Amino acid sequence: ELHRLFRIHQGTDLLDAHFTYLEEARKAGDTLLVQTEMVRIASITNGVHVLTWQDRRIRAAQAEGPAQGNDVWTVHQTLKRELIDLVAQRTGARLAIHRPLCGFARRATAYKRADLVLGDPGRLDRLLTAGLQIVFAGKAHPADPEGKRLLARLASATRRFPDAIVFLENYDMALGRLLTRG
């Protein structure tokens, strides 16, 4: 079921959730309210500084390859287990290692659209029923009421889907790295 809901990444069994979100937004003609005017979103640019955000173990596995007994999937699963353990420690939620996990760690502000995945309840229900788990982390600026509302919406989603959606409080760069490192 997940393979139907997500685009399969370049002929592998890996799911490309990022592409799927962007593709679905494009198909739906996603819009963003800018002041009082509706504006169509043509694209989203997302750049990553690999040395900051990618775990050194992933880079080593990519460089060494499976011949050295250090394949990317094994390292990815190790990092995922570490994140799942942290989630359990902080929230008590028990996420499953065998289910896909999407981590979203950003400063909470409206234009970053952390809640985009919550906008289509039917599709979200299908994704969660098919096994997707989502871990959100973020912090709003004290003077950003939209960011605070966004965090409230994410918190509400964790109450509606406690086995599939988690929000980690006290967001900082270290937590952001744990959620995005590989």
C-alpha atoms as a PDB file:
ATOM      1  CA  GLU A   1       0.000   0.000   0.000  1.00  0.00           C
ATOM      2  CA  LEU A   2       2.811   2.440   0.837  1.00  0.00           C
ATOM      3  CA  HIS A   3       4.342   1.858  -2.598  1.00  0.00           C
ATOM      4  CA  ARG A   4       1.126   3.170  -4.148  1.00  0.00           C
ATOM      5  CA  LEU A   5       1.104   6.217  -1.867  1.00  0.00           C
ATOM      6  CA  PHE A   6       4.789   7.066  -2.248  1.00  0.00           C
ATOM      7  CA  ARG A   7       6.989   7.317  -5.312  1.00  0.00           C
ATOM      8  CA  ILE A   8       9.600   4.556  -5.356  1.00  0.00           C
ATOM      9  CA  HIS A   9      13.055   6.133  -5.415  1.00  0.00           C
ATOM     10  CA  GLN A  10      15.045   5.419  -8.596  1.00  0.00           C
ATOM     11  CA  GLY A  11      14.176   1.740  -8.984  1.00  0.00           C
ATOM     12  CA  THR A  12      15.003   0.791  -5.379  1.00  0.00           C
ATOM     13  CA  ASP A  13      12.711  -0.217  -2.539  1.00  0.00           C
ATOM     14  CA  LEU A  14      13.364   3.121  -0.830  1.00  0.00           C
ATOM     15  CA  LEU A  15      10.392   5.432  -0.441  1.00  0.00           C
ATOM     16  CA  ASP A  16      10.925   9.046  -1.426  1.00  0.00           C
ATOM     17  CA  ALA A  17       8.494  10.877   0.862  1.00  0.00           C
ATOM     18  CA  HIS A  18       9.979  14.293   0.116  1.00  0.00           C
ATOM     19  CA  PHE A  19       9.274  13.903  -3.598  1.00  0.00           C
ATOM     20  CA  THR A  20       5.800  12.569  -2.858  1.00  0.00           C
ATOM     21  CA  TYR A  21       4.856  15.579  -0.734  1.00  0.00           C
ATOM     22  CA  LEU A  22       6.083  17.962  -3.424  1.00  0.00           C
ATOM     23  CA  GLU A  23       4.395  16.043  -6.231  1.00  0.00           C
ATOM     24  CA  GLU A  24       1.068  15.905  -4.389  1.00  0.00           C
ATOM     25  CA  ALA A  25       1.273  19.626  -3.611  1.00  0.00           C
ATOM     26  CA  ARG A  26       1.906  20.311  -7.300  1.00  0.00           C
ATOM     27  CA  LYS A  27      -1.020  18.115  -8.407  1.00  0.00           C
ATOM     28  CA  ALA A  28      -3.373  19.719  -5.925  1.00  0.00           C
ATOM     29  CA  GLY A  29      -2.354  23.242  -6.974  1.00  0.00           C
ATOM     30  CA  ASP A  30      -1.237  23.913  -3.423  1.00  0.00           C
ATOM     31  CA  THR A  31      -1.611  27.520  -2.388  1.00  0.00           C
ATOM     32  CA  LEU A  32      -0.153  29.695   0.306  1.00  0.00           C
ATOM     33  CA  LEU A  33      -1.888  32.692   1.827  1.00  0.00           C
ATOM     34  CA  VAL A  34       0.498  35.633   1.562  1.00  0.00           C
ATOM     35  CA  GLN A  35      -0.934  38.596   3.452  1.00  0.00           C
ATOM     36  CA  THR A  36      -4.444  38.674   1.944  1.00  0.00           C
ATOM     37  CA  GLU A  37      -3.600  37.336  -1.508  1.00  0.00           C
ATOM     38  CA  MET A  38      -3.638  33.679  -2.620  1.00  0.00           C
ATOM     39  CA  VAL A  39      -0.397  32.676  -4.372  1.00  0.00           C
ATOM     40  CA  ARG A  40       0.235  29.390  -6.170  1.00  0.00           C
ATOM     41  CA  ILE A  41       3.354  27.564  -4.979  1.00  0.00           C
ATOM     42  CA  ALA A  42       5.433  26.498  -7.978  1.00  0.00           C
ATOM     43  CA  SER A  43       8.259  24.770  -6.091  1.00  0.00           C
ATOM     44  CA  ILE A  44      10.015  24.372  -2.789  1.00  0.00           C
ATOM     45  CA  THR A  45      13.804  24.537  -2.611  1.00  0.00           C
ATOM     46  CA  ASN A  46      15.462  22.519   0.097  1.00  0.00           C
ATOM     47  CA  GLY A  47      19.219  22.498   0.494  1.00  0.00           C
ATOM     48  CA  VAL A  48      21.201  20.570   3.080  1.00  0.00           C
ATOM     49  CA  HIS A  49      24.713  21.087   4.385  1.00  0.00           C
ATOM     50  CA  VAL A  50      25.780  17.451   4.421  1.00  0.00           C
ATOM     51  CA  LEU A  51      28.595  17.815   6.967  1.00  0.00           C
ATOM     52  CA  THR A  52      26.200  19.437   9.447  1.00  0.00           C
ATOM     53  CA  TRP A  53      23.107  17.272   8.997  1.00  0.00           C
ATOM     54  CA  GLN A  54      24.212  13.865   7.722  1.00  0.00           C
ATOM     55  CA  ASP A  55      25.643  11.467  10.295  1.00  0.00           C
ATOM     56  CA  ARG A  56      29.285  10.546   9.757  1.00  0.00           C
ATOM     57  CA  ARG A  57      28.326   6.841   9.864  1.00  0.00           C
ATOM     58  CA  ILE A  58      26.106   7.277   6.797  1.00  0.00           C
ATOM     59  CA  ARG A  59      28.919   9.046   4.935  1.00  0.00           C
ATOM     60  CA  ALA A  60      31.352   6.273   5.910  1.00  0.00           C
ATOM     61  CA  ALA A  61      28.935   3.566   4.754  1.00  0.00           C
ATOM     62  CA  GLN A  62      28.469   5.337   1.427  1.00  0.00           C
ATOM     63  CA  ALA A  63      32.227   5.677   0.968  1.00  0.00           C
ATOM     64  CA  GLU A  64      33.166   2.158   2.120  1.00  0.00           C
ATOM     65  CA  GLY A  65      30.207   0.252   0.725  1.00  0.00           C
ATOM     66  CA  PRO A  66      28.980  -3.198   1.654  1.00  0.00           C
ATOM     67  CA  ALA A  67      32.350  -4.778   0.865  1.00  0.00           C
ATOM     68  CA  GLN A  68      33.569  -3.380   4.194  1.00  0.00           C
ATOM     69  CA  GLY A  69      30.502  -4.753   6.031  1.00  0.00           C
ATOM     70  CA  ASN A  70      29.171  -1.245   6.520  1.00  0.00           C
ATOM     71  CA  ASP A  71      26.131  -0.939   4.272  1.00  0.00           C
ATOM     72  CA  VAL A  72      23.944   2.169   4.279  1.00  0.00           C
ATOM     73  CA  TRP A  73      20.745   0.295   5.220  1.00  0.00           C
ATOM     74  CA  THR A  74      22.292  -1.212   8.368  1.00  0.00           C
ATOM     75  CA  VAL A  75      23.619   2.181   9.446  1.00  0.00           C
ATOM     76  CA  HIS A  76      20.251   3.794   8.643  1.00  0.00           C
ATOM     77  CA  GLN A  77      18.481   1.215  10.833  1.00  0.00           C
ATOM     78  CA  THR A  78      20.962   1.879  13.675  1.00  0.00           C
ATOM     79  CA  LEU A  79      20.279   5.621  13.475  1.00  0.00           C
ATOM     80  CA  LYS A  80      16.534   4.972  13.321  1.00  0.00           C
ATOM     81  CA  ARG A  81      16.757   2.773  16.442  1.00  0.00           C
ATOM     82  CA  GLU A  82      18.616   5.559  18.267  1.00  0.00           C
ATOM     83  CA  LEU A  83      15.864   8.033  17.308  1.00  0.00           C
ATOM     84  CA  ILE A  84      13.091   5.613  18.319  1.00  0.00           C
ATOM     85  CA  ASP A  85      14.799   5.105  21.683  1.00  0.00           C
ATOM     86  CA  LEU A  86      15.042   8.884  22.207  1.00  0.00           C
ATOM     87  CA  VAL A  87      11.352   9.300  21.307  1.00  0.00           C
ATOM     88  CA  ALA A  88      10.423   6.598  23.844  1.00  0.00           C
ATOM     89  CA  GLN A  89      12.610   8.213  26.509  1.00  0.00           C
ATOM     90  CA  ARG A  90      11.143  11.689  25.969  1.00  0.00           C
ATOM     91  CA  THR A  91       7.495  10.876  25.275  1.00  0.00           C
ATOM     92  CA  GLY A  92       6.812   7.254  26.177  1.00  0.00           C
ATOM     93  CA  ALA A  93       5.673   6.610  22.586  1.00  0.00           C
ATOM     94  CA  ARG A  94       6.820   3.292  21.149  1.00  0.00           C
ATOM     95  CA  LEU A  95       7.488   3.664  17.433  1.00  0.00           C
ATOM     96  CA  ALA A  96       8.188   0.583  15.304  1.00  0.00           C
ATOM     97  CA  ILE A  97      11.558   0.002  13.669  1.00  0.00           C
ATOM     98  CA  HIS A  98       9.978  -1.880  10.736  1.00  0.00           C
ATOM     99  CA  ARG A  99       7.620   0.965   9.776  1.00  0.00           C
ATOM    100  CA  PRO A 100       8.658   3.999   7.692  1.00  0.00           C
ATOM    101  CA  LEU A 101       9.472   7.056   9.789  1.00  0.00           C
ATOM    102  CA  CYS A 102       9.450  10.645   8.582  1.00  0.00           C
ATOM    103  CA  GLY A 103      11.277  13.190  10.747  1.00  0.00           C
ATOM    104  CA  PHE A 104      10.441  16.885  10.462  1.00  0.00           C
ATOM    105  CA  ALA A 105      12.662  19.243  12.467  1.00  0.00           C
ATOM    106  CA  ARG A 106      12.349  22.957  11.755  1.00  0.00           C
ATOM    107  CA  ARG A 107      11.774  26.277  13.401  1.00  0.00           C
ATOM    108  CA  ALA A 108       7.993  26.410  13.694  1.00  0.00           C
ATOM    109  CA  THR A 109       6.685  29.164  11.475  1.00  0.00           C
ATOM    110  CA  ALA A 110       3.827  29.173   8.982  1.00  0.00           C
ATOM    111  CA  TYR A 111       5.884  29.430   5.788  1.00  0.00           C
ATOM    112  CA  LYS A 112       7.807  26.211   6.587  1.00  0.00           C
ATOM    113  CA  ARG A 113       4.474  24.353   6.479  1.00  0.00           C
ATOM    114  CA  ALA A 114       5.196  21.544   8.942  1.00  0.00           C
ATOM    115  CA  ASP A 115       1.481  20.858   9.017  1.00  0.00           C
ATOM    116  CA  LEU A 116       1.125  20.390   5.232  1.00  0.00           C
ATOM    117  CA  VAL A 117       0.773  16.627   5.669  1.00  0.00           C
ATOM    118  CA  LEU A 118      -2.170  17.214   8.041  1.00  0.00           C
ATOM    119  CA  GLY A 119      -4.110  19.210   5.433  1.00  0.00           C
ATOM    120  CA  ASP A 120      -5.726  16.196   3.721  1.00  0.00           C
ATOM    121  CA  PRO A 121      -7.177  14.042   6.522  1.00  0.00           C
ATOM    122  CA  GLY A 122      -8.167  11.221   4.157  1.00  0.00           C
ATOM    123  CA  ARG A 123      -4.704  10.902   2.670  1.00  0.00           C
ATOM    124  CA  LEU A 124      -3.091  11.225   6.104  1.00  0.00           C
ATOM    125  CA  ASP A 125      -5.320   8.446   7.434  1.00  0.00           C
ATOM    126  CA  ARG A 126      -4.348   6.191   4.498  1.00  0.00           C
ATOM    127  CA  LEU A 127      -0.636   6.898   5.043  1.00  0.00           C
ATOM    128  CA  LEU A 128      -0.824   6.237   8.780  1.00  0.00           C
ATOM    129  CA  THR A 129      -2.963   3.124   8.301  1.00  0.00           C
ATOM    130  CA  ALA A 130      -0.370   1.863   5.812  1.00  0.00           C
ATOM    131  CA  GLY A 131       2.310   2.252   8.480  1.00  0.00           C
ATOM    132  CA  LEU A 132       3.861   5.716   8.200  1.00  0.00           C
ATOM    133  CA  GLN A 133       5.118   7.267  11.450  1.00  0.00           C
ATOM    134  CA  ILE A 134       5.899  10.991  11.747  1.00  0.00           C
ATOM    135  CA  VAL A 135       8.104  12.689  14.336  1.00  0.00           C
ATOM    136  CA  PHE A 136       7.830  16.478  14.518  1.00  0.00           C
ATOM    137  CA  ALA A 137      10.097  18.825  16.446  1.00  0.00           C
ATOM    138  CA  GLY A 138      10.145  22.588  16.367  1.00  0.00           C
ATOM    139  CA  LYS A 139      10.036  25.765  18.351  1.00  0.00           C
ATOM    140  CA  ALA A 140       8.146  28.936  17.561  1.00  0.00           C
ATOM    141  CA  HIS A 141       9.601  32.392  18.069  1.00  0.00           C
ATOM    142  CA  PRO A 142       7.908  33.970  21.122  1.00  0.00           C
ATOM    143  CA  ALA A 143       6.545  36.800  18.933  1.00  0.00           C
ATOM    144  CA  ASP A 144       5.188  34.485  16.197  1.00  0.00           C
ATOM    145  CA  PRO A 145       1.501  33.720  16.846  1.00  0.00           C
ATOM    146  CA  GLU A 146       1.215  31.705  13.592  1.00  0.00           C
ATOM    147  CA  GLY A 147       4.129  29.520  14.687  1.00  0.00           C
ATOM    148  CA  LYS A 148       2.457  28.946  18.046  1.00  0.00           C
ATOM    149  CA  ARG A 149      -0.803  27.949  16.309  1.00  0.00           C
ATOM    150  CA  LEU A 150       1.159  25.571  14.095  1.00  0.00           C
ATOM    151  CA  LEU A 151       2.661  23.885  17.161  1.00  0.00           C
ATOM    152  CA  ALA A 152      -0.820  23.565  18.675  1.00  0.00           C
ATOM    153  CA  ARG A 153      -2.040  21.891  15.479  1.00  0.00           C
ATOM    154  CA  LEU A 154       0.878  19.432  15.566  1.00  0.00           C
ATOM    155  CA  ALA A 155       0.195  18.709  19.236  1.00  0.00           C
ATOM    156  CA  SER A 156      -3.446  18.033  18.379  1.00  0.00           C
ATOM    157  CA  ALA A 157      -2.356  15.546  15.697  1.00  0.00           C
ATOM    158  CA  THR A 158      -0.283  13.658  18.268  1.00  0.00           C
ATOM    159  CA  ARG A 159      -3.384  13.265  20.440  1.00  0.00           C
ATOM    160  CA  ARG A 160      -5.468  12.051  17.470  1.00  0.00           C
ATOM    161  CA  PHE A 161      -2.794   9.604  16.254  1.00  0.00           C
ATOM    162  CA  PRO A 162      -0.711   8.694  19.341  1.00  0.00           C
ATOM    163  CA  ASP A 163       0.732   5.541  17.771  1.00  0.00           C
ATOM    164  CA  ALA A 164       1.860   7.252  14.583  1.00  0.00           C
ATOM    165  CA  ILE A 165       2.552  10.977  15.170  1.00  0.00           C
ATOM    166  CA  VAL A 166       4.892  12.291  17.856  1.00  0.00           C
ATOM    167  CA  PHE A 167       5.954  15.814  18.768  1.00  0.00           C
ATOM    168  CA  LEU A 168       9.269  16.304  20.575  1.00  0.00           C
ATOM    169  CA  GLU A 169       9.469  19.385  22.771  1.00  0.00           C
ATOM    170  CA  ASN A 170      12.556  21.479  23.568  1.00  0.00           C
ATOM    171  CA  TYR A 171      13.757  21.584  19.967  1.00  0.00           C
ATOM    172  CA  ASP A 172      17.378  22.542  19.421  1.00  0.00           C
ATOM    173  CA  MET A 173      20.069  21.842  16.814  1.00  0.00           C
ATOM    174  CA  ALA A 174      21.103  18.561  18.477  1.00  0.00           C
ATOM    175  CA  LEU A 175      17.554  17.252  18.275  1.00  0.00           C
ATOM    176  CA  GLY A 176      17.291  18.494  14.689  1.00  0.00           C
ATOM    177  CA  ARG A 177      20.390  16.469  13.791  1.00  0.00           C
ATOM    178  CA  LEU A 178      18.924  13.314  15.333  1.00  0.00           C
ATOM    179  CA  LEU A 179      15.802  13.682  13.213  1.00  0.00           C
ATOM    180  CA  THR A 180      17.513  14.397   9.911  1.00  0.00           C
ATOM    181  CA  ARG A 181      20.869  12.610   9.987  1.00  0.00           C
ATOM    182  CA  GLY A 182      20.200   9.612   7.836  1.00  0.00           C
END
